[in-house]
Protein backbone atom coordinates (compact mmCIF):
# COMPACT_ATOMS: atom_id res chain seq x y z
CA UNK A 1 -93.70 -70.16 -0.35
CA UNK A 2 -90.13 -70.54 0.80
CA UNK A 3 -87.95 -67.47 1.20
CA UNK A 4 -85.16 -69.48 -0.43
CA UNK A 5 -86.04 -68.35 -3.94
CA UNK A 6 -83.18 -68.26 -6.37
CA UNK A 7 -82.26 -65.08 -8.23
CA UNK A 8 -83.26 -66.86 -11.44
CA UNK A 9 -86.74 -67.64 -10.07
CA UNK A 10 -87.25 -64.05 -8.94
CA UNK A 11 -86.12 -62.76 -12.36
CA UNK A 12 -88.50 -65.19 -14.07
CA UNK A 13 -91.40 -63.88 -11.96
CA UNK A 14 -90.39 -60.28 -12.58
CA UNK A 15 -90.15 -60.75 -16.34
CA UNK A 16 -93.43 -62.61 -16.84
CA UNK A 17 -95.55 -61.24 -19.66
CA UNK A 18 -98.62 -59.62 -18.11
CA UNK A 19 -100.76 -61.19 -20.84
CA UNK A 20 -99.72 -64.64 -19.59
CA UNK A 21 -100.65 -63.98 -15.95
CA UNK A 22 -103.84 -65.69 -14.74
CA UNK A 23 -106.04 -63.78 -12.31
CA UNK A 24 -106.96 -66.98 -10.48
CA UNK A 25 -103.27 -67.61 -9.70
CA UNK A 26 -102.71 -64.15 -8.22
CA UNK A 27 -103.46 -62.91 -4.72
CA UNK A 28 -105.76 -59.93 -4.17
CA UNK A 29 -103.76 -56.93 -2.95
CA UNK A 30 -106.42 -56.02 -0.37
CA UNK A 31 -106.01 -59.46 1.24
CA UNK A 32 -102.32 -58.87 2.03
CA UNK A 33 -101.81 -58.02 5.69
CA UNK A 34 -98.38 -57.04 6.99
CA UNK A 35 -97.63 -56.67 10.70
CA UNK A 36 -95.59 -53.46 10.78
CA UNK A 37 -94.44 -54.17 14.34
CA UNK A 38 -92.29 -57.05 13.03
CA UNK A 39 -88.74 -56.75 11.73
CA UNK A 40 -88.13 -55.81 8.10
CA UNK A 41 -87.04 -59.38 7.36
CA UNK A 42 -90.28 -60.75 8.86
CA UNK A 43 -92.35 -58.28 6.85
CA UNK A 44 -90.59 -59.24 3.62
CA UNK A 45 -91.04 -62.94 4.39
CA UNK A 46 -94.73 -62.40 5.12
CA UNK A 47 -95.24 -60.43 1.89
CA UNK A 48 -93.47 -63.11 -0.16
CA UNK A 49 -95.47 -65.90 1.46
CA UNK A 50 -98.78 -64.10 0.94
CA UNK A 51 -98.20 -63.04 -2.67
CA UNK A 52 -96.49 -66.04 -4.19
CA UNK A 53 -95.30 -63.73 -6.96
CA UNK A 54 -94.20 -60.42 -5.45
CA UNK A 55 -94.28 -58.76 -8.89
CA UNK A 56 -97.95 -59.38 -9.77
CA UNK A 57 -101.29 -59.26 -7.94
CA UNK A 58 -104.96 -58.49 -8.44
CA UNK A 59 -106.05 -54.95 -7.61
CA UNK A 60 -109.79 -54.69 -8.01
CA UNK A 61 -110.60 -55.78 -11.54
CA UNK A 62 -107.04 -55.21 -12.77
CA UNK A 63 -103.78 -57.13 -12.67
CA UNK A 64 -100.98 -55.00 -11.27
CA UNK A 65 -97.50 -55.93 -12.42
CA UNK A 66 -94.71 -54.32 -10.42
CA UNK A 67 -91.31 -53.57 -11.89
CA UNK A 68 -88.44 -51.18 -11.73
CA UNK A 69 -85.86 -49.71 -14.04
CA UNK A 70 -82.26 -50.39 -13.17
CA UNK A 71 -80.13 -47.28 -13.11
CA UNK A 72 -83.12 -44.92 -12.86
CA UNK A 73 -82.41 -41.82 -10.81
CA UNK A 74 -86.06 -40.95 -10.16
CA UNK A 75 -87.38 -41.62 -6.67
CA UNK A 76 -90.64 -43.47 -6.06
CA UNK A 77 -92.14 -40.08 -5.19
CA UNK A 78 -91.09 -38.71 -8.60
CA UNK A 79 -92.71 -41.69 -10.33
CA UNK A 80 -95.94 -41.38 -8.30
CA UNK A 81 -96.20 -37.69 -9.22
CA UNK A 82 -95.68 -38.58 -12.90
CA UNK A 83 -98.32 -41.33 -12.66
CA UNK A 84 -100.79 -38.92 -11.05
CA UNK A 85 -100.19 -36.31 -13.74
CA UNK A 86 -100.74 -38.89 -16.48
CA UNK A 87 -103.84 -40.25 -14.74
CA UNK A 88 -105.43 -36.81 -14.52
CA UNK A 89 -104.93 -36.29 -18.28
CA UNK A 90 -106.93 -39.41 -19.19
CA UNK A 91 -110.37 -38.46 -20.47
CA UNK A 92 -113.21 -40.93 -20.02
């Protein structure tokens, strides 16, 4: 995949309906390998090339769709804590 993606193409990938994603078209998250000794630009390029769609991938038997809320003031740490709290409340 070329790093010369347009903003429109990235927005299209980000806004894809998760129900329309096909597992066979998505990379497995555990197969992504990033060389952390490289520059940030090289790491981003590698991630983009390996994923194809940086907003969706297979994680085990699930499809993970990544997104963000514009204007949100919560940090990623705040969101991970919230996710963990919600996860621990789910009864099986």
